[in-house]
Amino acid sequence: MLNLISIVIGLVALPGALIAFVPLLGWLYWFVVPVAVVGLLFGILSRGRTGRNLNLIVIVVGVLRLMIGHGIF
């Protein structure tokens, strides 16, 4: 059950991450990354790995994009 919740949270964060990948919308990652962290916490507590991995991908892409854009772009 927790894995399903983690997957749903990851699928909610993923479109935001794709939209934020557009230039000048990098600030949106400040909202996407915390949502993915919550999904990651649910994924860690579950037995499955799918939700955890999905949220980890969103977090890594978001943090790297924030680092490249200096937190703004």
PDB file of N, CA and C in Angstrom:
ATOM      1  N   MET A   1       0.811  -1.193   0.000  1.00  0.00           N
ATOM      2  CA  MET A   1       0.000   0.000   0.000  1.00  0.00           C
ATOM      3  C   MET A   1       0.864   1.271   0.000  1.00  0.00           C
ATOM      4  N   LEU A   2       1.922   1.261   0.807  1.00  0.00           N
ATOM      5  CA  LEU A   2       2.797   2.431   0.846  1.00  0.00           C
ATOM      6  C   LEU A   2       3.526   2.634  -0.476  1.00  0.00           C
ATOM      7  N   ASN A   3       3.835   1.541  -1.158  1.00  0.00           N
ATOM      8  CA  ASN A   3       4.488   1.653  -2.459  1.00  0.00           C
ATOM      9  C   ASN A   3       3.548   2.302  -3.472  1.00  0.00           C
ATOM     10  N   LEU A   4       2.284   1.974  -3.413  1.00  0.00           N
ATOM     11  CA  LEU A   4       1.301   2.579  -4.314  1.00  0.00           C
ATOM     12  C   LEU A   4       1.185   4.080  -4.040  1.00  0.00           C
ATOM     13  N   ILE A   5       1.179   4.467  -2.776  1.00  0.00           N
ATOM     14  CA  ILE A   5       1.130   5.884  -2.423  1.00  0.00           C
ATOM     15  C   ILE A   5       2.375   6.594  -2.943  1.00  0.00           C
ATOM     16  N   SER A   6       3.527   5.958  -2.812  1.00  0.00           N
ATOM     17  CA  SER A   6       4.774   6.529  -3.288  1.00  0.00           C
ATOM     18  C   SER A   6       4.760   6.695  -4.803  1.00  0.00           C
ATOM     19  N   ILE A   7       4.233   5.716  -5.507  1.00  0.00           N
ATOM     20  CA  ILE A   7       4.143   5.809  -6.971  1.00  0.00           C
ATOM     21  C   ILE A   7       3.221   6.946  -7.383  1.00  0.00           C
ATOM     22  N   VAL A   8       2.089   7.084  -6.710  1.00  0.00           N
ATOM     23  CA  VAL A   8       1.140   8.153  -7.039  1.00  0.00           C
ATOM     24  C   VAL A   8       1.777   9.516  -6.796  1.00  0.00           C
ATOM     25  N   ILE A   9       2.472   9.671  -5.677  1.00  0.00           N
ATOM     26  CA  ILE A   9       3.145  10.939  -5.400  1.00  0.00           C
ATOM     27  C   ILE A   9       4.220  11.207  -6.452  1.00  0.00           C
ATOM     28  N   GLY A  10       4.955  10.172  -6.844  1.00  0.00           N
ATOM     29  CA  GLY A  10       5.965  10.331  -7.885  1.00  0.00           C
ATOM     30  C   GLY A  10       5.358  10.711  -9.221  1.00  0.00           C
ATOM     31  N   LEU A  11       4.206  10.145  -9.536  1.00  0.00           N
ATOM     32  CA  LEU A  11       3.542  10.483 -10.796  1.00  0.00           C
ATOM     33  C   LEU A  11       2.938  11.880 -10.767  1.00  0.00           C
ATOM     34  N   VAL A  12       2.667  12.399  -9.589  1.00  0.00           N
ATOM     35  CA  VAL A  12       2.217  13.789  -9.464  1.00  0.00           C
ATOM     36  C   VAL A  12       3.407  14.735  -9.620  1.00  0.00           C
ATOM     37  N   ALA A  13       4.555  14.361  -9.069  1.00  0.00           N
ATOM     38  CA  ALA A  13       5.745  15.216  -9.142  1.00  0.00           C
ATOM     39  C   ALA A  13       6.387  15.193 -10.530  1.00  0.00           C
ATOM     40  N   LEU A  14       6.261  14.097 -11.245  1.00  0.00           N
ATOM     41  CA  LEU A  14       6.929  13.951 -12.542  1.00  0.00           C
ATOM     42  C   LEU A  14       6.485  14.981 -13.586  1.00  0.00           C
ATOM     43  N   PRO A  15       5.187  15.239 -13.783  1.00  0.00           N
ATOM     44  CA  PRO A  15       4.820  16.279 -14.763  1.00  0.00           C
ATOM     45  C   PRO A  15       5.338  17.661 -14.376  1.00  0.00           C
ATOM     46  N   GLY A  16       5.356  17.944 -13.074  1.00  0.00           N
ATOM     47  CA  GLY A  16       5.930  19.217 -12.634  1.00  0.00           C
ATOM     48  C   GLY A  16       7.401  19.310 -12.961  1.00  0.00           C
ATOM     49  N   ALA A  17       8.110  18.190 -12.817  1.00  0.00           N
ATOM     50  CA  ALA A  17       9.528  18.172 -13.144  1.00  0.00           C
ATOM     51  C   ALA A  17       9.738  18.340 -14.648  1.00  0.00           C
ATOM     52  N   LEU A  18       8.872  17.764 -15.450  1.00  0.00           N
ATOM     53  CA  LEU A  18       9.011  17.918 -16.902  1.00  0.00           C
ATOM     54  C   LEU A  18       8.719  19.345 -17.340  1.00  0.00           C
ATOM     55  N   ILE A  19       7.731  19.975 -16.718  1.00  0.00           N
ATOM     56  CA  ILE A  19       7.423  21.374 -17.045  1.00  0.00           C
ATOM     57  C   ILE A  19       8.564  22.278 -16.591  1.00  0.00           C
ATOM     58  N   ALA A  20       9.115  21.999 -15.416  1.00  0.00           N
ATOM     59  CA  ALA A  20      10.195  22.836 -14.872  1.00  0.00           C
ATOM     60  C   ALA A  20      11.487  22.682 -15.654  1.00  0.00           C
ATOM     61  N   PHE A  21      11.591  21.707 -16.512  1.00  0.00           N
ATOM     62  CA  PHE A  21      12.797  21.506 -17.305  1.00  0.00           C
ATOM     63  C   PHE A  21      12.924  22.547 -18.410  1.00  0.00           C
ATOM     64  N   VAL A  22      11.830  23.244 -18.714  1.00  0.00           N
ATOM     65  CA  VAL A  22      11.839  24.309 -19.717  1.00  0.00           C
ATOM     66  C   VAL A  22      12.681  25.471 -19.178  1.00  0.00           C
ATOM     67  N   PRO A  23      13.494  26.102 -20.000  1.00  0.00           N
ATOM     68  CA  PRO A  23      14.290  27.229 -19.513  1.00  0.00           C
ATOM     69  C   PRO A  23      13.422  28.318 -18.879  1.00  0.00           C
ATOM     70  N   LEU A  24      13.936  28.927 -17.840  1.00  0.00           N
ATOM     71  CA  LEU A  24      13.300  29.982 -17.047  1.00  0.00           C
ATOM     72  C   LEU A  24      12.168  29.483 -16.152  1.00  0.00           C
ATOM     73  N   LEU A  25      11.937  28.190 -16.086  1.00  0.00           N
ATOM     74  CA  LEU A  25      10.949  27.638 -15.164  1.00  0.00           C
ATOM     75  C   LEU A  25      11.602  26.738 -14.119  1.00  0.00           C
ATOM     76  N   GLY A  26      12.895  26.866 -13.946  1.00  0.00           N
ATOM     77  CA  GLY A  26      13.624  26.038 -13.000  1.00  0.00           C
ATOM     78  C   GLY A  26      13.217  26.278 -11.560  1.00  0.00           C
ATOM     79  N   TRP A  27      12.677  27.456 -11.255  1.00  0.00           N
ATOM     80  CA  TRP A  27      12.218  27.745  -9.903  1.00  0.00           C
ATOM     81  C   TRP A  27      11.116  26.801  -9.462  1.00  0.00           C
ATOM     82  N   LEU A  28      10.430  26.174 -10.402  1.00  0.00           N
ATOM     83  CA  LEU A  28       9.352  25.238 -10.071  1.00  0.00           C
ATOM     84  C   LEU A  28       9.885  24.006  -9.347  1.00  0.00           C
ATOM     85  N   TYR A  29      11.171  23.707  -9.519  1.00  0.00           N
ATOM     86  CA  TYR A  29      11.756  22.567  -8.816  1.00  0.00           C
ATOM     87  C   TYR A  29      11.757  22.767  -7.306  1.00  0.00           C
ATOM     88  N   TRP A  30      11.682  24.012  -6.838  1.00  0.00           N
ATOM     89  CA  TRP A  30      11.596  24.252  -5.394  1.00  0.00           C
ATOM     90  C   TRP A  30      10.307  23.685  -4.823  1.00  0.00           C
ATOM     91  N   PHE A  31       9.293  23.462  -5.647  1.00  0.00           N
ATOM     92  CA  PHE A  31       8.047  22.842  -5.206  1.00  0.00           C
ATOM     93  C   PHE A  31       8.013  21.348  -5.516  1.00  0.00           C
ATOM     94  N   VAL A  32       8.658  20.952  -6.597  1.00  0.00           N
ATOM     95  CA  VAL A  32       8.637  19.553  -7.030  1.00  0.00           C
ATOM     96  C   VAL A  32       9.502  18.669  -6.135  1.00  0.00           C
ATOM     97  N   VAL A  33      10.681  19.132  -5.775  1.00  0.00           N
ATOM     98  CA  VAL A  33      11.606  18.310  -4.992  1.00  0.00           C
ATOM     99  C   VAL A  33      11.032  17.948  -3.612  1.00  0.00           C
ATOM    100  N   PRO A  34      10.438  18.878  -2.849  1.00  0.00           N
ATOM    101  CA  PRO A  34       9.856  18.462  -1.559  1.00  0.00           C
ATOM    102  C   PRO A  34       8.714  17.448  -1.695  1.00  0.00           C
ATOM    103  N   VAL A  35       7.925  17.566  -2.750  1.00  0.00           N
ATOM    104  CA  VAL A  35       6.861  16.585  -2.982  1.00  0.00           C
ATOM    105  C   VAL A  35       7.479  15.215  -3.247  1.00  0.00           C
ATOM    106  N   ALA A  36       8.529  15.180  -4.035  1.00  0.00           N
ATOM    107  CA  ALA A  36       9.201  13.918  -4.330  1.00  0.00           C
ATOM    108  C   ALA A  36       9.886  13.347  -3.088  1.00  0.00           C
ATOM    109  N   VAL A  37      10.350  14.201  -2.191  1.00  0.00           N
ATOM    110  CA  VAL A  37      10.957  13.715  -0.943  1.00  0.00           C
ATOM    111  C   VAL A  37       9.912  13.021  -0.081  1.00  0.00           C
ATOM    112  N   VAL A  38       8.705  13.568  -0.033  1.00  0.00           N
ATOM    113  CA  VAL A  38       7.617  12.907   0.701  1.00  0.00           C
ATOM    114  C   VAL A  38       7.319  11.548   0.071  1.00  0.00           C
ATOM    115  N   GLY A  39       7.268  11.501  -1.248  1.00  0.00           N
ATOM    116  CA  GLY A  39       7.070  10.221  -1.933  1.00  0.00           C
ATOM    117  C   GLY A  39       8.204   9.255  -1.662  1.00  0.00           C
ATOM    118  N   LEU A  40       9.426   9.767  -1.572  1.00  0.00           N
ATOM    119  CA  LEU A  40      10.572   8.923  -1.258  1.00  0.00           C
ATOM    120  C   LEU A  40      10.441   8.330   0.140  1.00  0.00           C
ATOM    121  N   LEU A  41       9.964   9.115   1.090  1.00  0.00           N
ATOM    122  CA  LEU A  41       9.784   8.597   2.452  1.00  0.00           C
ATOM    123  C   LEU A  41       8.777   7.449   2.478  1.00  0.00           C
ATOM    124  N   PHE A  42       7.684   7.595   1.741  1.00  0.00           N
ATOM    125  CA  PHE A  42       6.724   6.497   1.644  1.00  0.00           C
ATOM    126  C   PHE A  42       7.355   5.293   0.950  1.00  0.00           C
ATOM    127  N   GLY A  43       8.174   5.544  -0.055  1.00  0.00           N
ATOM    128  CA  GLY A  43       8.837   4.460  -0.779  1.00  0.00           C
ATOM    129  C   GLY A  43       9.840   3.716   0.079  1.00  0.00           C
ATOM    130  N   ILE A  44      10.508   4.436   0.968  1.00  0.00           N
ATOM    131  CA  ILE A  44      11.471   3.787   1.863  1.00  0.00           C
ATOM    132  C   ILE A  44      10.750   2.884   2.854  1.00  0.00           C
ATOM    133  N   LEU A  45       9.571   3.307   3.307  1.00  0.00           N
ATOM    134  CA  LEU A  45       8.823   2.521   4.281  1.00  0.00           C
ATOM    135  C   LEU A  45       8.134   1.303   3.673  1.00  0.00           C
ATOM    136  N   SER A  46       8.010   1.265   2.355  1.00  0.00           N
ATOM    137  CA  SER A  46       7.313   0.149   1.708  1.00  0.00           C
ATOM    138  C   SER A  46       8.283  -0.977   1.374  1.00  0.00           C
ATOM    139  N   ARG A  47       7.717  -2.091   1.002  1.00  0.00           N
ATOM    140  CA  ARG A  47       8.537  -3.240   0.611  1.00  0.00           C
ATOM    141  C   ARG A  47       9.009  -3.139  -0.832  1.00  0.00           C
ATOM    142  N   GLY A  48       8.209  -2.528  -1.671  1.00  0.00           N
ATOM    143  CA  GLY A  48       8.563  -2.411  -3.090  1.00  0.00           C
ATOM    144  C   GLY A  48       9.605  -1.333  -3.317  1.00  0.00           C
ATOM    145  N   ARG A  49      10.189  -1.367  -4.500  1.00  0.00           N
ATOM    146  CA  ARG A  49      11.234  -0.414  -4.838  1.00  0.00           C
ATOM    147  C   ARG A  49      10.837   0.553  -5.939  1.00  0.00           C
ATOM    148  N   THR A  50       9.734   0.324  -6.597  1.00  0.00           N
ATOM    149  CA  THR A  50       9.366   1.125  -7.756  1.00  0.00           C
ATOM    150  C   THR A  50       9.116   2.583  -7.382  1.00  0.00           C
ATOM    151  N   GLY A  51       8.316   2.817  -6.370  1.00  0.00           N
ATOM    152  CA  GLY A  51       8.010   4.182  -5.948  1.00  0.00           C
ATOM    153  C   GLY A  51       9.233   4.913  -5.455  1.00  0.00           C
ATOM    154  N   ARG A  52      10.069   4.219  -4.700  1.00  0.00           N
ATOM    155  CA  ARG A  52      11.300   4.819  -4.202  1.00  0.00           C
ATOM    156  C   ARG A  52      12.192   5.242  -5.365  1.00  0.00           C
ATOM    157  N   ASN A  53      12.360   4.379  -6.339  1.00  0.00           N
ATOM    158  CA  ASN A  53      13.223   4.683  -7.484  1.00  0.00           C
ATOM    159  C   ASN A  53      12.674   5.831  -8.328  1.00  0.00           C
ATOM    160  N   LEU A  54      11.370   5.857  -8.528  1.00  0.00           N
ATOM    161  CA  LEU A  54      10.746   6.937  -9.298  1.00  0.00           C
ATOM    162  C   LEU A  54      10.998   8.277  -8.625  1.00  0.00           C
ATOM    163  N   ASN A  55      10.791   8.343  -7.327  1.00  0.00           N
ATOM    164  CA  ASN A  55      10.990   9.593  -6.607  1.00  0.00           C
ATOM    165  C   ASN A  55      12.465   9.971  -6.542  1.00  0.00           C
ATOM    166  N   LEU A  56      13.344   8.993  -6.454  1.00  0.00           N
ATOM    167  CA  LEU A  56      14.776   9.291  -6.468  1.00  0.00           C
ATOM    168  C   LEU A  56      15.191   9.928  -7.787  1.00  0.00           C
ATOM    169  N   ILE A  57      14.653   9.441  -8.885  1.00  0.00           N
ATOM    170  CA  ILE A  57      14.971  10.009 -10.195  1.00  0.00           C
ATOM    171  C   ILE A  57      14.505  11.454 -10.278  1.00  0.00           C
ATOM    172  N   VAL A  58      13.277  11.714  -9.801  1.00  0.00           N
ATOM    173  CA  VAL A  58      12.754  13.076  -9.829  1.00  0.00           C
ATOM    174  C   VAL A  58      13.606  13.994  -8.951  1.00  0.00           C
ATOM    175  N   ILE A  59      14.011  13.512  -7.784  1.00  0.00           N
ATOM    176  CA  ILE A  59      14.827  14.324  -6.881  1.00  0.00           C
ATOM    177  C   ILE A  59      16.193  14.616  -7.490  1.00  0.00           C
ATOM    178  N   VAL A  60      16.840  13.596  -8.033  1.00  0.00           N
ATOM    179  CA  VAL A  60      18.179  13.792  -8.602  1.00  0.00           C
ATOM    180  C   VAL A  60      18.132  14.766  -9.769  1.00  0.00           C
ATOM    181  N   VAL A  61      17.166  14.608 -10.661  1.00  0.00           N
ATOM    182  CA  VAL A  61      17.049  15.528 -11.801  1.00  0.00           C
ATOM    183  C   VAL A  61      16.751  16.935 -11.297  1.00  0.00           C
ATOM    184  N   GLY A  62      15.872  17.053 -10.318  1.00  0.00           N
ATOM    185  CA  GLY A  62      15.532  18.371  -9.781  1.00  0.00           C
ATOM    186  C   GLY A  62      16.697  19.057  -9.111  1.00  0.00           C
ATOM    187  N   VAL A  63      17.444  18.339  -8.294  1.00  0.00           N
ATOM    188  CA  VAL A  63      18.583  18.938  -7.599  1.00  0.00           C
ATOM    189  C   VAL A  63      19.676  19.319  -8.597  1.00  0.00           C
ATOM    190  N   LEU A  64      19.928  18.465  -9.562  1.00  0.00           N
ATOM    191  CA  LEU A  64      20.942  18.808 -10.570  1.00  0.00           C
ATOM    192  C   LEU A  64      20.525  20.041 -11.366  1.00  0.00           C
ATOM    193  N   ARG A  65      19.254  20.109 -11.715  1.00  0.00           N
ATOM    194  CA  ARG A  65      18.754  21.269 -12.480  1.00  0.00           C
ATOM    195  C   ARG A  65      18.838  22.531 -11.629  1.00  0.00           C
ATOM    196  N   LEU A  66      18.545  22.441 -10.342  1.00  0.00           N
ATOM    197  CA  LEU A  66      18.679  23.599  -9.463  1.00  0.00           C
ATOM    198  C   LEU A  66      20.130  24.032  -9.336  1.00  0.00           C
ATOM    199  N   MET A  67      21.034  23.074  -9.284  1.00  0.00           N
ATOM    200  CA  MET A  67      22.461  23.415  -9.180  1.00  0.00           C
ATOM    201  C   MET A  67      22.952  24.087 -10.462  1.00  0.00           C
ATOM    202  N   ILE A  68      22.518  23.604 -11.601  1.00  0.00           N
ATOM    203  CA  ILE A  68      22.937  24.186 -12.882  1.00  0.00           C
ATOM    204  C   ILE A  68      22.379  25.597 -13.030  1.00  0.00           C
ATOM    205  N   GLY A  69      21.127  25.801 -12.634  1.00  0.00           N
ATOM    206  CA  GLY A  69      20.488  27.105 -12.783  1.00  0.00           C
ATOM    207  C   GLY A  69      20.671  28.017 -11.591  1.00  0.00           C
ATOM    208  N   HIS A  70      21.513  27.631 -10.649  1.00  0.00           N
ATOM    209  CA  HIS A  70      21.787  28.417  -9.442  1.00  0.00           C
ATOM    210  C   HIS A  70      20.519  28.682  -8.634  1.00  0.00           C
ATOM    211  N   GLY A  71      19.567  27.764  -8.666  1.00  0.00           N
ATOM    212  CA  GLY A  71      18.370  27.872  -7.858  1.00  0.00           C
ATOM    213  C   GLY A  71      17.272  28.739  -8.401  1.00  0.00           C
ATOM    214  N   ILE A  72      17.504  29.362  -9.535  1.00  0.00           N
ATOM    215  CA  ILE A  72      16.505  30.284 -10.083  1.00  0.00           C
ATOM    216  C   ILE A  72      16.033  29.839 -11.462  1.00  0.00           C
ATOM    217  N   PHE A  73      16.976  29.629 -12.369  1.00  0.00           N
ATOM    218  CA  PHE A  73      16.629  29.332 -13.755  1.00  0.00           C
ATOM    219  C   PHE A  73      16.517  27.875 -13.918  1.00  0.00           C
TER     220      PHE A  73
END
